[in-house]
Protein backbone atom coordinates (compact mmCIF):
# COMPACT_ATOMS: atom_id res chain seq x y z
CA MET A 1 -71.95 -1.76 -17.12
CA LEU A 2 -70.04 -4.42 -19.07
CA SER A 3 -72.22 -3.88 -22.14
CA VAL A 4 -71.59 -0.13 -22.01
CA LEU A 5 -67.86 -0.72 -21.52
CA PHE A 6 -67.82 -3.03 -24.55
CA PHE A 7 -69.58 -0.37 -26.66
CA ILE A 8 -67.12 2.30 -25.45
CA ILE A 9 -64.15 0.12 -26.40
CA ILE A 10 -65.59 -0.53 -29.88
CA PHE A 11 -66.41 3.14 -30.39
CA SER A 12 -62.94 4.20 -29.20
CA ALA A 13 -61.31 1.69 -31.58
CA MET A 14 -63.32 3.26 -34.43
CA LEU A 15 -61.96 6.66 -33.39
CA GLY A 16 -58.53 5.04 -33.58
CA SER A 17 -59.27 3.97 -37.15
CA PHE A 18 -60.13 7.58 -38.04
CA ALA A 19 -56.97 8.70 -36.23
CA ASN A 20 -54.98 6.50 -38.63
CA VAL A 21 -56.56 8.31 -41.57
CA CYS A 22 -55.52 11.67 -40.09
CA ILE A 23 -52.01 10.43 -39.25
CA TYR A 24 -51.43 9.38 -42.86
CA ARG A 25 -53.13 12.27 -44.66
CA ILE A 26 -52.44 15.40 -42.59
CA PRO A 27 -48.64 15.42 -43.19
CA LEU A 28 -49.37 14.95 -46.92
CA GLU A 29 -51.89 17.83 -46.80
CA LYS A 30 -54.66 15.56 -48.12
CA SER A 31 -58.35 15.68 -47.21
CA ILE A 32 -59.23 13.55 -44.19
CA VAL A 33 -62.78 13.07 -45.51
CA MET A 34 -62.44 12.06 -49.15
CA PRO A 35 -61.60 9.74 -50.77
CA PHE A 36 -62.56 6.75 -48.64
CA SER A 37 -59.85 4.66 -47.02
CA PHE A 38 -57.43 3.15 -49.52
CA CYS A 39 -54.26 1.10 -49.52
CA PRO A 40 -51.27 3.49 -49.61
CA LEU A 41 -49.38 1.01 -51.79
CA CYS A 42 -51.81 -0.02 -54.57
CA LYS A 43 -54.38 2.81 -54.00
CA ASN A 44 -57.34 0.38 -54.10
CA THR A 45 -60.31 1.42 -51.98
CA ILE A 46 -60.55 -0.68 -48.81
CA LYS A 47 -63.86 -2.52 -48.45
CA PHE A 48 -65.83 -1.95 -45.27
CA TYR A 49 -65.32 -5.54 -44.14
CA ASP A 50 -61.57 -5.07 -44.46
CA ASN A 51 -61.68 -1.91 -42.39
CA ILE A 52 -62.95 -3.26 -39.07
CA PRO A 53 -60.71 -1.87 -36.29
CA LEU A 54 -58.18 -4.43 -34.97
CA VAL A 55 -60.12 -7.41 -36.36
CA SER A 56 -59.42 -6.87 -40.09
CA PHE A 57 -55.67 -6.55 -39.57
CA PHE A 58 -55.46 -10.04 -38.07
CA LEU A 59 -57.94 -11.61 -40.51
CA LEU A 60 -55.86 -10.26 -43.40
CA LYS A 61 -52.67 -11.38 -41.63
CA GLY A 62 -51.29 -7.87 -41.88
CA ARG A 63 -51.44 -7.69 -45.69
CA CYS A 64 -53.54 -5.83 -48.24
CA ARG A 65 -56.22 -8.01 -49.85
CA PHE A 66 -55.36 -6.65 -53.31
CA CYS A 67 -51.59 -6.18 -53.58
CA LYS A 68 -50.53 -8.34 -50.61
CA GLY A 69 -48.37 -5.47 -49.40
CA LYS A 70 -47.60 -5.33 -45.69
CA ILE A 71 -49.86 -3.24 -43.49
CA SER A 72 -47.95 -1.30 -40.86
CA TYR A 73 -48.38 -2.42 -37.25
CA VAL A 74 -48.95 1.25 -36.43
CA TYR A 75 -52.57 0.93 -37.62
CA PRO A 76 -53.72 -1.71 -35.10
CA LEU A 77 -51.49 -0.17 -32.42
CA VAL A 78 -53.24 3.21 -32.71
CA GLU A 79 -56.64 1.50 -32.64
CA LEU A 80 -55.58 -0.49 -29.57
CA ILE A 81 -54.35 2.64 -27.78
CA MET A 82 -57.68 4.37 -28.37
CA ALA A 83 -59.68 1.28 -27.36
CA VAL A 84 -57.76 0.79 -24.12
CA GLY A 85 -57.68 4.54 -23.42
CA GLY A 86 -61.43 4.88 -23.97
CA GLY A 87 -62.14 1.94 -21.66
CA TRP A 88 -59.78 3.35 -19.02
CA LEU A 89 -61.49 6.75 -19.09
CA TYR A 90 -64.92 5.15 -18.82
CA LEU A 91 -63.89 3.06 -15.81
CA ILE A 92 -62.63 6.22 -14.10
CA TYR A 93 -65.35 8.73 -14.99
CA GLY A 94 -68.31 6.79 -16.41
CA LEU A 95 -70.43 8.52 -19.07
CA SER A 96 -69.67 12.02 -17.84
CA ILE A 97 -68.34 15.26 -19.27
CA SER A 98 -64.90 14.24 -17.98
CA PHE A 99 -65.05 11.08 -20.10
CA PHE A 100 -65.97 12.85 -23.35
CA ILE A 101 -63.46 15.68 -22.89
CA GLY A 102 -60.79 13.13 -21.99
CA LEU A 103 -61.58 11.02 -25.07
CA ILE A 104 -61.29 14.02 -27.40
CA PHE A 105 -58.03 14.96 -25.70
CA LEU A 106 -56.69 11.40 -26.04
CA TRP A 107 -57.61 11.27 -29.74
CA ILE A 108 -55.83 14.53 -30.60
CA LEU A 109 -52.71 13.59 -28.64
CA THR A 110 -52.52 10.15 -30.26
CA VAL A 111 -52.60 11.70 -33.73
CA ILE A 112 -49.98 14.30 -32.78
CA SER A 113 -47.66 11.72 -31.17
CA VAL A 114 -47.51 9.40 -34.17
CA ILE A 115 -47.11 12.21 -36.70
CA ASP A 116 -44.29 13.76 -34.67
CA TYR A 117 -42.59 10.39 -34.20
CA TYR A 118 -42.48 9.63 -37.92
CA HIS A 119 -42.20 13.10 -39.45
CA GLN A 120 -40.82 15.22 -36.58
CA ILE A 121 -43.50 17.83 -37.16
CA ILE A 122 -46.55 18.87 -35.17
CA PRO A 123 -49.15 20.24 -37.60
CA ASP A 124 -50.38 23.70 -36.61
CA GLU A 125 -54.00 22.73 -37.24
CA LEU A 126 -53.81 20.10 -34.49
CA SER A 127 -52.06 22.43 -32.03
CA PHE A 128 -54.54 25.23 -32.70
CA LEU A 129 -57.43 22.75 -32.36
CA LEU A 130 -56.04 21.74 -28.97
CA ILE A 131 -55.71 25.36 -27.85
CA GLY A 132 -59.15 26.35 -29.14
CA LEU A 133 -61.00 23.39 -27.63
CA GLY A 134 -59.10 23.75 -24.37
CA LEU A 135 -60.22 27.37 -23.95
CA ILE A 136 -63.78 26.71 -25.17
CA PHE A 137 -64.24 23.67 -22.91
CA SER A 138 -62.67 25.45 -19.93
CA PHE A 139 -65.97 26.56 -18.34
CA PHE A 140 -67.13 22.97 -17.87
CA ASN A 141 -63.82 21.11 -17.94
CA PRO A 142 -63.35 19.29 -14.59
CA PHE A 143 -59.67 18.64 -15.37
CA LEU A 144 -59.07 22.33 -14.62
CA GLU A 145 -60.17 22.09 -10.98
CA GLY A 146 -57.24 22.91 -8.74
CA PHE A 147 -55.60 25.39 -6.47
CA LEU A 148 -56.97 28.44 -8.34
CA ASP A 149 -60.40 27.56 -6.91
CA ILE A 150 -59.35 29.00 -3.55
CA PHE A 151 -59.22 32.48 -5.06
CA PHE A 152 -62.86 32.22 -6.19
CA ASN A 153 -65.84 31.86 -3.88
CA GLY A 154 -69.32 30.68 -4.84
CA LYS A 155 -70.65 28.18 -7.34
CA HIS A 156 -70.70 30.67 -10.19
CA SER A 157 -67.12 31.82 -9.69
CA ILE A 158 -65.80 28.29 -10.20
CA LEU A 159 -66.37 28.83 -13.92
CA TRP A 160 -63.99 31.78 -13.90
CA ALA A 161 -61.49 29.76 -11.88
CA ARG A 162 -61.46 27.13 -14.63
CA LEU A 163 -61.15 29.72 -17.40
CA SER A 164 -58.30 31.42 -15.53
CA SER A 165 -56.51 28.10 -15.04
CA SER A 166 -56.93 27.25 -18.73
CA PHE A 167 -55.71 30.63 -19.95
CA LEU A 168 -52.74 30.71 -17.56
CA GLY A 169 -51.85 27.14 -18.50
CA PHE A 170 -51.92 28.13 -22.17
CA LEU A 171 -49.94 31.33 -21.57
CA LEU A 172 -47.31 30.15 -19.11
CA GLY A 173 -46.93 26.63 -20.49
CA GLY A 174 -46.16 27.91 -23.97
CA GLY A 175 -44.11 30.77 -22.55
CA VAL A 176 -41.87 28.57 -20.42
CA LEU A 177 -41.16 26.18 -23.29
CA TYR A 178 -40.48 29.09 -25.63
CA LEU A 179 -38.00 30.48 -23.09
CA ILE A 180 -36.28 27.09 -22.84
CA ALA A 181 -36.06 26.92 -26.65
CA VAL A 182 -34.54 30.41 -26.88
CA MET A 183 -32.03 29.78 -24.08
CA GLY A 184 -31.08 26.42 -25.58
CA GLU A 185 -30.43 28.01 -28.95
CA ILE A 186 -28.25 30.67 -27.32
CA ILE A 187 -26.25 28.17 -25.27
CA PHE A 188 -25.83 25.41 -27.88
CA LYS A 189 -25.83 27.65 -30.98
CA ARG A 190 -28.44 25.47 -32.61
CA GLU A 191 -32.19 24.83 -32.48
CA VAL A 192 -32.95 22.52 -29.54
CA MET A 193 -36.75 22.65 -29.69
CA GLY A 194 -39.19 23.33 -32.51
CA GLY A 195 -42.02 25.81 -32.55
CA GLY A 196 -44.47 22.91 -32.79
CA ASP A 197 -43.52 21.78 -29.28
CA VAL A 198 -44.19 25.28 -27.92
CA LYS A 199 -47.67 25.37 -29.47
CA LEU A 200 -48.36 21.83 -28.25
CA ILE A 201 -47.51 22.63 -24.62
CA ALA A 202 -49.68 25.74 -24.90
CA GLY A 203 -52.57 23.52 -26.01
CA LEU A 204 -51.91 21.06 -23.20
CA GLY A 205 -51.94 23.95 -20.75
CA ALA A 206 -55.29 25.14 -22.09
CA PHE A 207 -56.74 21.65 -21.54
CA LEU A 208 -55.14 20.73 -18.22
CA GLY A 209 -54.63 24.14 -16.60
CA ILE A 210 -51.83 25.97 -14.82
CA GLU A 211 -51.55 23.47 -11.97
CA LYS A 212 -50.88 20.39 -14.10
CA ILE A 213 -48.94 21.82 -17.02
CA PHE A 214 -45.67 22.08 -15.10
CA ASP A 215 -46.11 18.49 -13.90
CA VAL A 216 -46.56 17.47 -17.54
CA LEU A 217 -43.46 19.39 -18.59
CA PHE A 218 -41.37 17.90 -15.76
CA LEU A 219 -42.46 14.33 -16.52
CA ALA A 220 -41.91 14.80 -20.28
CA CYS A 221 -38.40 16.18 -19.74
CA LEU A 222 -37.59 13.32 -17.37
CA GLY A 223 -38.86 10.74 -19.86
CA GLY A 224 -37.06 12.39 -22.77
CA THR A 225 -33.79 12.51 -20.82
CA VAL A 226 -33.98 8.85 -19.78
CA ILE A 227 -35.00 7.51 -23.20
CA GLY A 228 -32.59 9.83 -25.03
CA GLY A 229 -29.76 8.74 -22.74
CA MET A 230 -30.52 5.07 -23.34
CA LEU A 231 -30.58 5.57 -27.11
CA ARG A 232 -27.28 7.45 -26.91
CA ILE A 233 -25.62 4.75 -24.79
CA THR A 234 -26.80 1.94 -27.07
CA GLY A 235 -25.63 3.83 -30.16
CA ARG A 236 -29.11 4.09 -31.69
CA ASN A 237 -28.97 7.87 -31.49
CA LYS A 238 -26.00 9.96 -32.56
CA LYS A 239 -24.86 13.19 -30.93
CA TRP A 240 -27.19 16.09 -31.77
CA GLN A 241 -29.54 13.77 -33.62
CA PRO A 242 -32.99 15.19 -32.82
CA ILE A 243 -35.49 13.17 -30.83
CA PRO A 244 -39.18 14.13 -31.22
CA PHE A 245 -40.36 15.65 -27.94
CA GLY A 246 -44.07 15.67 -28.82
CA PRO A 247 -44.72 12.01 -27.89
CA PHE A 248 -43.21 12.60 -24.43
CA LEU A 249 -45.39 15.66 -23.87
CA CYS A 250 -48.50 13.79 -25.03
CA ALA A 251 -47.81 10.67 -22.96
CA SER A 252 -47.22 12.80 -19.86
CA ALA A 253 -50.46 14.75 -20.46
CA ILE A 254 -52.45 11.51 -20.86
CA PHE A 255 -51.03 10.32 -17.53
CA PHE A 256 -52.70 13.29 -15.81
CA LEU A 257 -56.12 12.61 -17.31
CA ASP A 258 -56.72 10.73 -14.09
CA ASN A 259 -57.30 13.60 -11.66
CA LYS A 260 -56.14 11.43 -8.75
CA LEU A 261 -52.62 11.11 -10.15
CA ASN A 262 -49.96 13.59 -9.10
CA ILE A 263 -46.23 12.91 -9.42
CA TRP A 264 -45.46 14.94 -6.33
CA TYR A 265 -47.30 12.35 -4.19
CA PHE A 266 -44.76 9.63 -5.02
């Protein structure tokens, strides 16, 4: 088990390295495949031995081998998040369909969170990927098991219960957030939530289903209110200065990847 866990952590860290490529290139509308990894400062191609997840950053002391420019701490942080997240999912689910679906979900949400934090945008291609995979995976996605099962009897009908949960999560999750955005704009006479957040919550609903999507939304709003209030009190955030909501939605969704967790039990 320990050997498998070690392999999972290494593999997840490698996914984190690829996530860094996507985080840097997608907002710039560059290919995520070619060219190979390069230093964003001097544009030199990074050698394979300088591109080992987590390890290379510390061996290079956080600086490019060629230009000695500083390497952002975001790179090892993303790799660490994926490594820890992959290990956590394996310890919960083992090598099961839940593990692989959860790992894909974690990877997409990590990329979205960092892009939204730095650029305050959620690329449509990532949101649509989330929606598409959520609906496609719905027939065999165990994260969708919930109260809708009681309306379906028999082993075969459980598939339709999952699809229904996924579709309703997509429809109502996105719909509720869209309604909040419209009402907020009417009340405050300004945009309070971007269209990217609406598409993101629709994708989260497709992955997690109707039962969990409102828990995700509640927890994200609570987290956003607390953090936003703290930033406002400390003077680090001015009145009406926008705070990216995507990271809160993603963090809340990742929390519910453990099917045993439910905020209403606390």
